[in-house]
Amino acid sequence: MEVLTFIFDKLAALLSWVLFILPDSPFQLIDKTPIAKYLPWINWFIPLNFAVTTLTLWLIAIGTYYAYSIFLRWLKAVE
């Protein structure tokens, strides 16, 4: 049981390190733009918030697929 705890602690530390080196979200900059106070009205007509969220999730899914594919090719598990 101690071995599993050690492994999980090391994985958590690695994940924390990876998250630390990643940059902040570029979508936080939208709050500091001159149109920030008009965004609720723009979003009422054109759902930009939904579009950005959907595009972000789609890019994460595609990126994960390619990363997994590259990893499996590196292991020579797939052609």
C-alpha atoms as a PDB file:
ATOM      1  CA  MET A   1       0.000   0.000   0.000  1.00  0.00           C
ATOM      2  CA  GLU A   2       2.898   2.360   0.680  1.00  0.00           C
ATOM      3  CA  VAL A   3       4.161   1.796  -2.839  1.00  0.00           C
ATOM      4  CA  LEU A   4       0.859   2.957  -4.332  1.00  0.00           C
ATOM      5  CA  THR A   5       0.815   6.013  -2.093  1.00  0.00           C
ATOM      6  CA  PHE A   6       4.359   6.840  -3.181  1.00  0.00           C
ATOM      7  CA  ILE A   7       3.459   6.434  -6.864  1.00  0.00           C
ATOM      8  CA  PHE A   8       0.325   8.575  -6.537  1.00  0.00           C
ATOM      9  CA  ASP A   9       2.261  11.272  -4.672  1.00  0.00           C
ATOM     10  CA  LYS A  10       4.892  11.359  -7.415  1.00  0.00           C
ATOM     11  CA  LEU A  11       2.211  11.483 -10.134  1.00  0.00           C
ATOM     12  CA  ALA A  12       0.468  14.337  -8.320  1.00  0.00           C
ATOM     13  CA  ALA A  13       3.769  16.207  -8.043  1.00  0.00           C
ATOM     14  CA  LEU A  14       4.432  15.670 -11.746  1.00  0.00           C
ATOM     15  CA  LEU A  15       0.957  16.887 -12.678  1.00  0.00           C
ATOM     16  CA  SER A  16       1.394  19.960 -10.463  1.00  0.00           C
ATOM     17  CA  TRP A  17       4.701  20.701 -12.175  1.00  0.00           C
ATOM     18  CA  VAL A  18       3.167  20.349 -15.652  1.00  0.00           C
ATOM     19  CA  LEU A  19       0.285  22.654 -14.724  1.00  0.00           C
ATOM     20  CA  PHE A  20       2.740  25.151 -13.241  1.00  0.00           C
ATOM     21  CA  ILE A  21       4.765  25.481 -16.466  1.00  0.00           C
ATOM     22  CA  LEU A  22       1.675  25.940 -18.654  1.00  0.00           C
ATOM     23  CA  PRO A  23       0.785  29.554 -19.445  1.00  0.00           C
ATOM     24  CA  ASP A  24      -2.370  31.209 -18.167  1.00  0.00           C
ATOM     25  CA  SER A  25      -5.467  30.944 -20.283  1.00  0.00           C
ATOM     26  CA  PRO A  26      -5.464  33.465 -23.140  1.00  0.00           C
ATOM     27  CA  PHE A  27      -9.227  33.813 -22.736  1.00  0.00           C
ATOM     28  CA  GLN A  28      -8.721  35.717 -19.479  1.00  0.00           C
ATOM     29  CA  LEU A  29      -7.444  38.644 -21.552  1.00  0.00           C
ATOM     30  CA  ILE A  30     -10.918  39.187 -22.982  1.00  0.00           C
ATOM     31  CA  ASP A  31     -12.006  40.634 -19.613  1.00  0.00           C
ATOM     32  CA  LYS A  32      -9.484  43.457 -20.027  1.00  0.00           C
ATOM     33  CA  THR A  33     -10.516  44.521 -23.537  1.00  0.00           C
ATOM     34  CA  PRO A  34     -12.484  47.691 -24.272  1.00  0.00           C
ATOM     35  CA  ILE A  35     -15.496  45.632 -25.392  1.00  0.00           C
ATOM     36  CA  ALA A  36     -15.691  43.684 -22.123  1.00  0.00           C
ATOM     37  CA  LYS A  37     -18.682  45.669 -20.869  1.00  0.00           C
ATOM     38  CA  TYR A  38     -20.535  45.035 -24.173  1.00  0.00           C
ATOM     39  CA  LEU A  39     -19.866  41.289 -24.287  1.00  0.00           C
ATOM     40  CA  PRO A  40     -23.087  40.300 -22.462  1.00  0.00           C
ATOM     41  CA  TRP A  41     -25.106  42.143 -25.135  1.00  0.00           C
ATOM     42  CA  ILE A  42     -23.041  40.672 -27.967  1.00  0.00           C
ATOM     43  CA  ASN A  43     -23.420  37.208 -26.443  1.00  0.00           C
ATOM     44  CA  TRP A  44     -27.167  37.670 -26.356  1.00  0.00           C
ATOM     45  CA  PHE A  45     -27.227  37.960 -30.164  1.00  0.00           C
ATOM     46  CA  ILE A  46     -24.215  35.787 -31.021  1.00  0.00           C
ATOM     47  CA  PRO A  47     -23.329  33.145 -28.394  1.00  0.00           C
ATOM     48  CA  LEU A  48     -19.559  33.776 -28.428  1.00  0.00           C
ATOM     49  CA  ASN A  49     -19.097  32.240 -24.988  1.00  0.00           C
ATOM     50  CA  PHE A  50     -20.580  28.946 -26.209  1.00  0.00           C
ATOM     51  CA  ALA A  51     -18.512  29.074 -29.408  1.00  0.00           C
ATOM     52  CA  VAL A  52     -15.244  29.691 -27.552  1.00  0.00           C
ATOM     53  CA  THR A  53     -15.995  26.947 -25.017  1.00  0.00           C
ATOM     54  CA  THR A  54     -16.918  24.463 -27.735  1.00  0.00           C
ATOM     55  CA  LEU A  55     -13.844  25.321 -29.807  1.00  0.00           C
ATOM     56  CA  THR A  56     -11.613  24.975 -26.754  1.00  0.00           C
ATOM     57  CA  LEU A  57     -13.023  21.552 -25.894  1.00  0.00           C
ATOM     58  CA  TRP A  58     -12.720  20.450 -29.520  1.00  0.00           C
ATOM     59  CA  LEU A  59      -9.072  21.541 -29.685  1.00  0.00           C
ATOM     60  CA  ILE A  60      -8.334  19.725 -26.420  1.00  0.00           C
ATOM     61  CA  ALA A  61      -9.951  16.553 -27.771  1.00  0.00           C
ATOM     62  CA  ILE A  62      -8.022  16.728 -31.058  1.00  0.00           C
ATOM     63  CA  GLY A  63      -4.767  17.537 -29.260  1.00  0.00           C
ATOM     64  CA  THR A  64      -5.259  14.633 -26.878  1.00  0.00           C
ATOM     65  CA  TYR A  65      -5.947  12.291 -29.802  1.00  0.00           C
ATOM     66  CA  TYR A  66      -2.783  13.349 -31.617  1.00  0.00           C
ATOM     67  CA  ALA A  67      -0.664  13.185 -28.460  1.00  0.00           C
ATOM     68  CA  TYR A  68      -1.983   9.686 -27.723  1.00  0.00           C
ATOM     69  CA  SER A  69      -1.389   8.658 -31.326  1.00  0.00           C
ATOM     70  CA  ILE A  70       2.190   9.941 -31.246  1.00  0.00           C
ATOM     71  CA  PHE A  71       2.791   8.188 -27.939  1.00  0.00           C
ATOM     72  CA  LEU A  72       1.500   4.873 -29.310  1.00  0.00           C
ATOM     73  CA  ARG A  73       3.597   5.242 -32.438  1.00  0.00           C
ATOM     74  CA  TRP A  74       6.589   5.914 -30.251  1.00  0.00           C
ATOM     75  CA  LEU A  75       5.847   2.665 -28.433  1.00  0.00           C
ATOM     76  CA  LYS A  76       5.302   1.064 -31.867  1.00  0.00           C
ATOM     77  CA  ALA A  77       1.896  -0.159 -30.764  1.00  0.00           C
ATOM     78  CA  VAL A  78       0.186   1.150 -33.917  1.00  0.00           C
ATOM     79  CA  GLU A  79       1.313   1.873 -37.465  1.00  0.00           C
END
